Amino acid sequence: MNIGVFDAFCAYLYRKRWLLTVNFVIACAAGWVYTFSMLKKEYSATVTFLPPAGESGVSALSLMNLSTAALSLGGGASAEQVEVVFQSNATKRKIIDEFNLVKYFELEKSKNQFGLAAKRLKKYVILDADEKGGLGMTKTVSYSITCYYPSPDTAKMMADFTFAIVDSVIREISIDKAQRNRVFVERQIAFQNEKMDSLQTIFQVFQNTHKAYDVPEQAKLSLQAYADLKAAALMNELKIASIKNEFTGQTHEMTELKKNQRVYDAKLKEYEAGESPNVIPSLDRSSKLFPEYAKMLRDIEVQNQLILLLTKEFEQARLQEARDVSPLIIVDPPFVPEYKARPKRMTILMTVIFVENMLLLGVLAYFFYFRHILAKSDRFNAFVKAVRQG
């Protein structure tokens, strides 16, 4: 549109100023009636609560390289599950049935009453999450459930009811998870006890077969016995040497000392390299038995510690299962609202006035273009004449 046409359009609008003025007044009146008389006032009630506490620390079972994927002995439920429960059809159906929203939304004759009511419910029951974080890491700090309804008392009741549903389901999740944890740990304890019995049986057979009741202590006894016998053998050798220096030939005492020396030598060899099982084993046998004995003893001790840790986990699971306490903590309970929350009437009024006047301007622009632009076009007049003649 060039400048001349624009000036002509402005002059056209000036000539229609009374129409624009009357239309503006009518639009204001109609908008006022619609906004303040026809639109329903809606009040809002909000309940703010903390999500389930996150799990912290490392499970003792994971330190033992035991699969604990099913274990969660912390809050039992996660913050994400709050949103899943809230968005579930079961929760929506309970709210719709409790407050008869099918009738409120005028959907009694609809074939898809629940589907349509659930869609509209999104504008009346809203879950907001307050999240904080950075560098791609976010953490839910709190949740807020806001309910809108024309009655302030009903808005509060709806907020209380919705939170009660979410709270009940989250509590059931926590208890059910604790129960599954208890069953899992209980089975693990039974399995580890069977393994402990097997290790103890193998260890007992090893002890009886090799007479290895306490290898470190038995090795000490072997060393002590060997040292005492070695000392006695050395004393015997000294006596033999002393008699040889004093007497020549064979004497009765010399014969006894040599006999004793043979016994000492044989016994020393037995203490050094004997292979027969004995309560006081040989030194070689002690060195061979000790690694196997230590390994078995270590396996039994590790197994015992594992059973102790599992027992502690089992007691925690039992406590968690018995703890019928909500993991959700209300920070700000809902109150009966004193002032409406929506609609924002002035915003709606200004929107109605603006839209209606823009529509009128569009109609006037159409008539102006048709009468003052197209009417002067020879090509358009020829086209209209051809249409009429045809």
Protein backbone atom coordinates (compact mmCIF):
# COMPACT_ATOMS: atom_id res chain seq x y z
CA MET A 1 0.00 0.00 0.00
CA ASN A 2 1.62 3.29 -1.15
CA ILE A 3 1.39 6.60 0.74
CA GLY A 4 -1.60 7.87 -1.27
CA VAL A 5 -3.62 4.73 -0.56
CA PHE A 6 -2.65 4.83 3.11
CA ASP A 7 -3.82 8.45 3.39
CA ALA A 8 -7.04 7.51 1.67
CA PHE A 9 -7.54 4.60 4.06
CA CYS A 10 -6.92 6.87 7.07
CA ALA A 11 -9.48 9.33 5.66
CA TYR A 12 -11.90 6.43 5.17
CA LEU A 13 -11.45 5.41 8.78
CA TYR A 14 -12.00 9.00 9.88
CA ARG A 15 -15.30 9.03 8.09
CA LYS A 16 -16.20 5.84 9.92
CA ARG A 17 -15.14 7.23 13.29
CA TRP A 18 -18.61 7.03 14.77
CA LEU A 19 -18.87 3.41 13.75
CA LEU A 20 -15.49 2.70 15.34
CA THR A 21 -16.50 4.58 18.48
CA VAL A 22 -19.81 2.77 18.81
CA ASN A 23 -18.10 -0.55 18.10
CA PHE A 24 -15.51 0.16 20.78
CA VAL A 25 -18.23 0.96 23.32
CA ILE A 26 -20.20 -2.16 22.37
CA ALA A 27 -17.02 -4.26 22.54
CA CYS A 28 -16.23 -2.89 26.01
CA ALA A 29 -19.76 -3.58 27.21
CA ALA A 30 -19.86 -7.07 25.71
CA GLY A 31 -16.39 -7.85 27.05
CA TRP A 32 -17.37 -6.56 30.46
CA VAL A 33 -20.55 -8.66 30.55
CA TYR A 34 -18.73 -11.76 29.30
CA THR A 35 -15.77 -11.34 31.65
CA PHE A 36 -17.54 -10.36 34.83
CA SER A 37 -20.86 -12.16 34.43
CA MET A 38 -20.38 -15.24 32.28
CA LEU A 39 -16.88 -16.45 33.21
CA LYS A 40 -16.71 -18.59 36.32
CA LYS A 41 -14.42 -17.51 39.10
CA GLU A 42 -11.95 -20.20 40.08
CA TYR A 43 -10.03 -20.43 43.33
CA SER A 44 -6.76 -22.26 43.81
CA ALA A 45 -5.32 -24.25 46.71
CA THR A 46 -1.72 -25.45 46.77
CA VAL A 47 0.09 -28.08 48.81
CA THR A 48 3.90 -28.09 48.74
CA PHE A 49 5.88 -31.13 49.84
CA LEU A 50 9.36 -32.60 49.73
CA PRO A 51 10.06 -35.63 47.51
CA PRO A 52 11.32 -38.94 48.96
CA ALA A 53 14.83 -38.68 50.33
CA GLY A 54 17.48 -39.92 47.92
CA GLU A 55 19.63 -42.91 48.80
CA SER A 56 23.07 -42.07 50.04
CA GLY A 57 26.12 -44.13 50.74
CA VAL A 58 27.19 -47.51 49.39
CA SER A 59 25.52 -50.69 50.49
CA ALA A 60 27.73 -53.05 52.45
CA LEU A 61 26.62 -55.83 50.14
CA SER A 62 27.96 -54.04 47.08
CA LEU A 63 31.33 -53.87 48.80
CA MET A 64 31.23 -57.66 48.98
CA ASN A 65 30.65 -57.85 45.19
CA LEU A 66 27.16 -59.18 45.78
CA SER A 67 24.47 -58.21 43.30
CA THR A 68 22.13 -55.84 45.09
CA ALA A 69 20.21 -54.37 42.18
CA ALA A 70 16.97 -55.14 43.95
CA LEU A 71 18.07 -53.52 47.18
CA SER A 72 17.09 -50.00 48.08
CA LEU A 73 17.01 -49.58 51.80
CA GLY A 74 16.75 -45.79 51.70
CA GLY A 75 13.49 -43.97 51.06
CA GLY A 76 12.06 -46.85 49.03
CA ALA A 77 10.69 -44.49 46.37
CA SER A 78 12.33 -41.90 44.14
CA ALA A 79 11.38 -38.34 43.29
CA GLU A 80 10.63 -39.31 39.69
CA GLN A 81 8.01 -41.78 40.88
CA VAL A 82 5.96 -38.90 42.32
CA GLU A 83 5.39 -37.56 38.80
CA VAL A 84 4.61 -41.03 37.45
CA VAL A 85 2.01 -41.60 40.17
CA PHE A 86 0.49 -38.15 39.67
CA GLN A 87 0.19 -38.61 35.88
CA SER A 88 -1.25 -42.12 36.14
CA ASN A 89 -4.77 -42.80 34.91
CA ALA A 90 -5.63 -44.39 38.26
CA THR A 91 -4.95 -41.10 40.07
CA LYS A 92 -6.91 -39.10 37.51
CA ARG A 93 -9.86 -41.48 37.67
CA LYS A 94 -10.03 -41.23 41.48
CA ILE A 95 -10.06 -37.43 41.33
CA ILE A 96 -12.68 -37.37 38.57
CA ASP A 97 -14.94 -39.80 40.42
CA GLU A 98 -14.48 -38.17 43.84
CA PHE A 99 -15.49 -34.68 42.67
CA ASN A 100 -17.88 -35.77 39.91
CA LEU A 101 -15.93 -33.83 37.30
CA VAL A 102 -17.70 -35.56 34.42
CA LYS A 103 -20.82 -33.67 35.41
CA TYR A 104 -18.85 -30.48 36.11
CA PHE A 105 -17.31 -30.62 32.62
CA GLU A 106 -20.78 -31.43 31.15
CA LEU A 107 -19.61 -34.70 29.62
CA GLU A 108 -22.49 -36.97 30.72
CA LYS A 109 -23.59 -37.59 27.12
CA SER A 110 -20.06 -38.15 25.81
CA LYS A 111 -18.96 -41.66 24.86
CA ASN A 112 -15.41 -40.92 26.06
CA GLN A 113 -16.19 -39.36 29.39
CA PHE A 114 -12.97 -40.30 31.20
CA GLY A 115 -10.66 -39.44 28.28
CA LEU A 116 -12.13 -35.97 27.80
CA ALA A 117 -12.36 -35.33 31.55
CA ALA A 118 -8.72 -36.38 32.00
CA LYS A 119 -7.62 -33.91 29.32
CA ARG A 120 -9.53 -31.06 30.96
CA LEU A 121 -8.28 -32.11 34.38
CA LYS A 122 -4.77 -31.03 33.37
CA LYS A 123 -5.93 -27.41 33.67
CA TYR A 124 -7.51 -27.96 37.08
CA VAL A 125 -4.97 -30.18 38.89
CA ILE A 126 -1.36 -29.23 38.19
CA LEU A 127 1.92 -30.64 39.51
CA ASP A 128 4.94 -28.30 39.53
CA ALA A 129 8.50 -29.28 40.43
CA ASP A 130 11.01 -26.86 41.87
CA GLU A 131 14.36 -27.96 40.46
CA LYS A 132 17.87 -26.66 41.03
CA GLY A 133 21.19 -27.59 39.58
CA GLY A 134 23.71 -26.86 36.89
CA LEU A 135 26.11 -28.36 34.39
CA GLY A 136 23.45 -30.75 33.17
CA MET A 137 22.67 -31.97 36.69
CA THR A 138 19.25 -31.12 38.13
CA LYS A 139 17.76 -32.04 41.46
CA THR A 140 14.11 -31.83 42.48
CA VAL A 141 13.90 -29.69 45.60
CA SER A 142 10.13 -29.76 46.14
CA TYR A 143 6.78 -30.46 44.49
CA SER A 144 3.61 -28.38 44.48
CA ILE A 145 0.10 -29.61 43.66
CA THR A 146 -2.22 -26.75 42.69
CA CYS A 147 -5.96 -27.34 42.30
CA TYR A 148 -8.49 -24.91 40.73
CA TYR A 149 -12.24 -24.95 41.34
CA PRO A 150 -15.11 -22.42 41.53
CA SER A 151 -15.63 -23.27 45.20
CA PRO A 152 -12.71 -22.34 47.52
CA ASP A 153 -13.58 -25.15 49.95
CA THR A 154 -13.66 -27.70 47.13
CA ALA A 155 -10.34 -26.41 45.81
CA LYS A 156 -8.75 -27.12 49.20
CA MET A 157 -10.45 -30.53 49.42
CA MET A 158 -9.19 -31.38 45.94
CA ALA A 159 -5.62 -30.45 46.89
CA ASP A 160 -5.83 -32.55 50.07
CA PHE A 161 -7.37 -35.49 48.21
CA THR A 162 -4.82 -35.42 45.38
CA PHE A 163 -1.91 -35.31 47.81
CA ALA A 164 -3.46 -38.15 49.84
CA ILE A 165 -3.63 -40.32 46.70
CA VAL A 166 -0.01 -39.63 45.73
CA ASP A 167 1.13 -40.08 49.32
CA SER A 168 -0.72 -43.40 49.67
CA VAL A 169 0.73 -44.86 46.46
CA ILE A 170 4.27 -43.70 47.28
CA ARG A 171 3.93 -45.27 50.73
CA GLU A 172 2.77 -48.55 49.17
CA ILE A 173 5.74 -48.45 46.79
CA SER A 174 8.11 -47.91 49.70
CA ILE A 175 6.63 -50.74 51.77
CA ASP A 176 6.47 -53.11 48.80
CA LYS A 177 10.06 -52.36 47.91
CA ALA A 178 11.14 -52.93 51.51
CA GLN A 179 9.28 -56.24 51.52
CA ARG A 180 11.02 -57.38 48.36
CA ASN A 181 14.32 -56.26 49.85
CA ARG A 182 13.66 -58.30 52.97
CA VAL A 183 12.80 -61.41 50.95
CA PHE A 184 15.90 -60.94 48.80
CA VAL A 185 18.22 -60.50 51.80
CA GLU A 186 16.55 -63.42 53.60
CA ARG A 187 17.27 -65.69 50.65
CA GLN A 188 20.83 -64.43 50.48
CA ILE A 189 21.33 -65.19 54.18
CA ALA A 190 20.03 -68.75 53.68
CA PHE A 191 22.30 -69.22 50.66
CA GLN A 192 25.35 -67.82 52.45
CA ASN A 193 24.66 -69.97 55.52
CA GLU A 194 24.63 -73.06 53.31
CA LYS A 195 27.92 -71.95 51.82
CA MET A 196 29.32 -71.39 55.33
CA ASP A 197 28.27 -74.92 56.37
CA SER A 198 30.00 -76.32 53.29
CA LEU A 199 33.21 -74.41 54.04
CA GLN A 200 33.17 -75.51 57.66
CA THR A 201 32.66 -79.15 56.65
CA ILE A 202 35.57 -79.00 54.21
CA PHE A 203 37.72 -77.32 56.85
CA GLN A 204 36.81 -79.94 59.46
CA VAL A 205 37.71 -82.77 57.06
CA PHE A 206 41.00 -81.03 56.33
CA GLN A 207 41.78 -80.70 60.04
CA ASN A 208 40.94 -84.31 60.83
CA THR A 209 42.79 -85.69 57.82
CA HIS A 210 45.98 -83.73 58.42
CA LYS A 211 45.57 -83.24 62.18
CA ALA A 212 45.92 -79.55 61.37
CA TYR A 213 43.82 -78.16 64.20
CA ASP A 214 45.76 -74.92 64.60
CA VAL A 215 48.67 -74.89 62.19
CA PRO A 216 50.38 -71.71 63.52
CA GLU A 217 50.32 -73.01 67.10
CA GLN A 218 51.30 -76.50 65.99
CA ALA A 219 54.21 -75.04 64.02
CA LYS A 220 55.35 -73.22 67.18
CA LEU A 221 55.22 -76.49 69.10
CA SER A 222 57.18 -78.20 66.31
CA LEU A 223 59.87 -75.52 66.45
CA GLN A 224 60.02 -75.71 70.24
CA ALA A 225 60.23 -79.52 70.19
CA TYR A 226 62.84 -79.44 67.44
CA ALA A 227 64.90 -76.88 69.35
CA ASP A 228 64.72 -78.91 72.59
CA LEU A 229 65.65 -82.11 70.76
CA LYS A 230 68.48 -80.38 68.94
CA ALA A 231 69.84 -79.06 72.22
CA ALA A 232 69.67 -82.53 73.76
CA ALA A 233 71.47 -84.00 70.71
CA LEU A 234 74.22 -81.40 70.99
CA MET A 235 74.65 -82.15 74.71
CA ASN A 236 74.84 -85.85 73.88
CA GLU A 237 77.54 -85.17 71.27
CA LEU A 238 79.52 -83.17 73.82
CA LYS A 239 79.35 -86.06 76.31
CA ILE A 240 80.55 -88.52 73.67
CA ALA A 241 83.47 -86.26 72.81
CA SER A 242 84.34 -85.86 76.50
CA ILE A 243 84.37 -89.64 77.14
CA LYS A 244 86.52 -90.22 74.04
CA ASN A 245 89.08 -87.81 75.44
CA GLU A 246 89.16 -89.59 78.81
CA PHE A 247 88.91 -93.24 77.77
CA THR A 248 90.03 -95.36 74.89
CA GLY A 249 87.96 -98.25 73.69
CA GLN A 250 84.28 -98.93 74.12
CA THR A 251 82.55 -98.40 77.46
CA HIS A 252 78.99 -99.08 78.56
CA GLU A 253 78.28 -95.34 78.92
CA MET A 254 79.70 -94.67 75.44
CA THR A 255 77.42 -97.35 74.00
CA GLU A 256 74.34 -95.78 75.61
CA LEU A 257 75.30 -92.28 74.43
CA LYS A 258 75.77 -93.43 70.83
CA LYS A 259 72.45 -95.25 70.97
CA ASN A 260 70.80 -92.07 72.19
CA GLN A 261 72.51 -90.08 69.45
CA ARG A 262 71.02 -92.31 66.76
CA VAL A 263 67.62 -91.81 68.30
CA TYR A 264 68.15 -88.05 68.36
CA ASP A 265 69.24 -87.95 64.72
CA ALA A 266 66.28 -90.03 63.57
CA LYS A 267 63.85 -87.85 65.53
CA LEU A 268 65.41 -84.66 64.19
CA LYS A 269 65.00 -85.92 60.61
CA GLU A 270 61.39 -86.76 61.38
CA TYR A 271 60.80 -83.23 62.73
CA GLU A 272 62.46 -81.73 59.65
CA ALA A 273 60.87 -83.71 56.79
CA GLY A 274 58.28 -86.15 58.16
CA GLU A 275 55.11 -86.55 56.07
CA SER A 276 52.88 -88.53 58.39
CA PRO A 277 49.95 -86.61 59.97
CA ASN A 278 50.71 -85.67 63.52
CA VAL A 279 49.53 -83.22 66.14
CA ILE A 280 53.07 -81.90 66.17
CA PRO A 281 53.84 -81.91 62.43
CA SER A 282 57.26 -81.70 60.82
CA LEU A 283 58.63 -78.34 59.77
CA ASP A 284 58.28 -79.17 56.07
CA ARG A 285 54.71 -80.38 56.58
CA SER A 286 53.84 -77.24 58.57
CA SER A 287 55.09 -75.01 55.76
CA LYS A 288 52.99 -76.98 53.25
CA LEU A 289 49.82 -77.03 55.37
CA PHE A 290 49.95 -73.39 56.43
CA PRO A 291 48.92 -71.75 53.08
CA GLU A 292 45.95 -74.08 52.61
CA TYR A 293 44.96 -73.75 56.25
CA ALA A 294 45.20 -69.95 56.09
CA LYS A 295 43.15 -69.85 52.87
CA MET A 296 40.37 -71.96 54.38
CA LEU A 297 40.40 -69.93 57.57
CA ARG A 298 40.26 -66.70 55.54
CA ASP A 299 37.32 -67.97 53.43
CA ILE A 300 35.42 -68.87 56.59
CA GLU A 301 36.13 -65.47 58.16
CA VAL A 302 35.07 -63.61 55.01
CA GLN A 303 31.93 -65.70 54.82
CA ASN A 304 31.19 -64.98 58.45
CA GLN A 305 31.60 -61.22 57.91
CA LEU A 306 29.33 -61.41 54.87
CA ILE A 307 26.64 -63.14 56.91
CA LEU A 308 26.96 -60.47 59.61
CA LEU A 309 26.55 -57.71 57.01
CA LEU A 310 23.58 -59.50 55.46
CA THR A 311 22.02 -59.83 58.88
CA LYS A 312 22.32 -56.07 59.42
CA GLU A 313 20.78 -55.42 56.00
CA PHE A 314 17.99 -57.85 56.87
CA GLU A 315 17.20 -56.00 60.10
CA GLN A 316 17.15 -52.69 58.21
CA ALA A 317 14.79 -54.18 55.61
CA ARG A 318 12.47 -55.43 58.36
CA LEU A 319 12.43 -52.00 59.97
CA GLN A 320 11.74 -50.33 56.63
CA GLU A 321 8.95 -52.79 55.89
CA ALA A 322 7.35 -52.18 59.29
CA ARG A 323 7.70 -48.39 59.02
CA ASP A 324 4.28 -47.28 57.78
CA VAL A 325 5.36 -43.65 57.54
CA SER A 326 5.01 -41.46 54.49
CA PRO A 327 8.28 -40.57 52.72
CA LEU A 328 6.62 -37.31 51.59
CA ILE A 329 6.90 -34.33 53.94
CA ILE A 330 4.41 -31.47 53.65
CA VAL A 331 6.12 -28.09 53.76
CA ASP A 332 3.13 -25.85 53.00
CA PRO A 333 -0.34 -27.37 53.56
CA PRO A 334 -3.31 -26.15 51.47
CA PHE A 335 -5.61 -23.46 52.86
CA VAL A 336 -9.07 -22.32 51.84
CA PRO A 337 -8.34 -19.53 49.32
CA GLU A 338 -9.80 -16.10 50.03
CA TYR A 339 -9.41 -14.59 46.57
CA LYS A 340 -9.95 -16.01 43.12
CA ALA A 341 -6.91 -17.19 41.15
CA ARG A 342 -8.40 -17.05 37.66
CA PRO A 343 -9.52 -15.86 35.24
CA LYS A 344 -7.42 -12.72 34.95
CA ARG A 345 -10.39 -10.57 34.04
CA MET A 346 -8.66 -7.40 32.90
CA THR A 347 -6.41 -9.41 30.59
CA ILE A 348 -9.42 -11.21 29.10
CA LEU A 349 -11.36 -7.94 28.78
CA MET A 350 -8.52 -6.21 26.93
CA THR A 351 -8.13 -9.27 24.68
CA VAL A 352 -11.83 -9.27 23.79
CA ILE A 353 -11.81 -5.53 22.99
CA PHE A 354 -8.63 -5.83 20.94
CA VAL A 355 -9.81 -8.81 18.92
CA GLU A 356 -13.25 -7.31 18.21
CA ASN A 357 -11.80 -3.98 17.04
CA MET A 358 -9.21 -5.76 14.89
CA LEU A 359 -12.01 -7.75 13.25
CA LEU A 360 -13.91 -4.52 12.50
CA LEU A 361 -10.76 -2.95 11.08
CA GLY A 362 -10.32 -6.01 8.91
CA VAL A 363 -13.87 -5.70 7.57
CA LEU A 364 -13.44 -1.96 6.89
CA ALA A 365 -10.11 -2.60 5.17
CA TYR A 366 -11.81 -5.18 2.96
CA PHE A 367 -14.60 -2.78 1.91
CA PHE A 368 -12.09 0.05 1.36
CA TYR A 369 -9.89 -2.13 -0.82
CA PHE A 370 -12.87 -3.41 -2.81
CA ARG A 371 -14.44 -0.01 -3.40
CA HIS A 372 -11.42 2.25 -3.79
CA ILE A 373 -8.75 -0.02 -5.25
CA LEU A 374 -10.36 -2.85 -7.16
CA ALA A 375 -13.26 -0.69 -8.41
CA LYS A 376 -10.74 1.51 -10.26
CA SER A 377 -8.92 -1.44 -11.83
CA ASP A 378 -9.83 -1.95 -15.51
CA ARG A 379 -8.67 -5.55 -15.39
CA PHE A 380 -10.89 -6.30 -12.37
CA ASN A 381 -13.89 -4.52 -13.95
CA ALA A 382 -13.37 -6.53 -17.13
CA PHE A 383 -13.24 -9.73 -15.09
CA VAL A 384 -16.47 -8.81 -13.25
CA LYS A 385 -18.19 -7.92 -16.54
CA ALA A 386 -17.12 -11.23 -18.08
CA VAL A 387 -18.44 -13.13 -15.08
CA ARG A 388 -21.81 -11.38 -15.27
CA GLN A 389 -22.14 -11.96 -19.00
CA GLY A 390 -21.02 -15.55 -18.76
